Structures are given as C-alpha cells and as structure tokens.
Amino acid sequence: FRSPASWKLAALLLFCAAPVLAFAQDMPAGAWAGTWVANTAKCKFPGPPPTLDQVTIQPDGSVAVHVVSADGKTTDWSYKPQLGKAVPIQGRDNTTVKIVKVSDYRNNQIWNHEGKITQTHSTLSKDGKVQTFYGAPGTYRAPGDTKAKPFSEVVVYEKQ
C-alpha cells in the first residue's frame, strides 16, 4: 500500500466486501435462548397434537427442533439463522428459512420448501417465559375425511 492507488483499491475492496460480511453474520438469540416445550393444551394444531414439541435455541441463535408425533414418530431438524440470509434446514429436504428480526419480541420467518414460500411469525412475552409460533394459514384433511378444512396453527411454548 505504498501508492495512493493501492489505498484506493484496498478501500474499494473493503467497501465492496462489507455488505457480504454483513449477510454472513450470526443472529444472537438474546432472550429467545433456552429450551422451550409446547403446552399442547394452549395450542391449535391441524390434527392430533404431538406428544412432545421441543425447541432449543442456543445463545448463538442455532435452533434445534425435536417433535414426537401423536403416533410416536420422531422428527428432528435444525438451522442456524444468518442476518439477511435464507439458510438451509438440516433434516428437512429442499427447505430454507430466513429469519427477520422485527423487534426483541417478534421474529418473522420466510420459509421456502421446494419453491413454495410461506410466512410465519413468533412472539416472545415481555417476561421471556412464553414463545408463541403463528403458522401460515392452510388447509388440513383429517384421516378418513374427504374434505379439507382451513386451519391456522398456533403453538405456545413455555421456557423450561
């Protein structure tokens, strides 16, 4: 960096790289960190509620979901949100999620599953003890039913 041109080039490269670096930043969890278990008595599920719906959020923002369905099937999936970026979900094929922090008490999620985009959001109570997930409106057909019915999932998690 002996010449003014070298300084200008270095400054230009740093300026151009700054937005790229910003998009690769972690999203710390803050008050969302912890282990959360769904209180199924307070939830609205489209079908039979799971026997366990647990979300663990690490301080770095990493999310791990563990669900045991009503019929005993276990599902595990996880992701690590990045500021301004859709990230792949481990354990769910062809699915990404982009988390948008609206405030310290609300996050919006933009899901992309095989090109189908859905939007959901989560809220955190002011005391940090309850997290509520609001699913995208959809339809559900119970086993044996011939007609699908509208539903909107709401999952109320309590901090453990």
Foldseek 3Di string as FASTA:
>chain_A
DPDPVVVVVVVVVCVVCVVVVQQQAFDFLVLNAAKWWWPVVPKDDQDQAFPTWMWHAHRSGKIWIWTQGPVGDIAIKIDTETPPDWTDIGRAPQKTWHWDDPDNFKIKIWMAHPNDTFIWMWGADPVSFKIKTKAGWDWDDPVPRPDIHIDIIITIIGGD
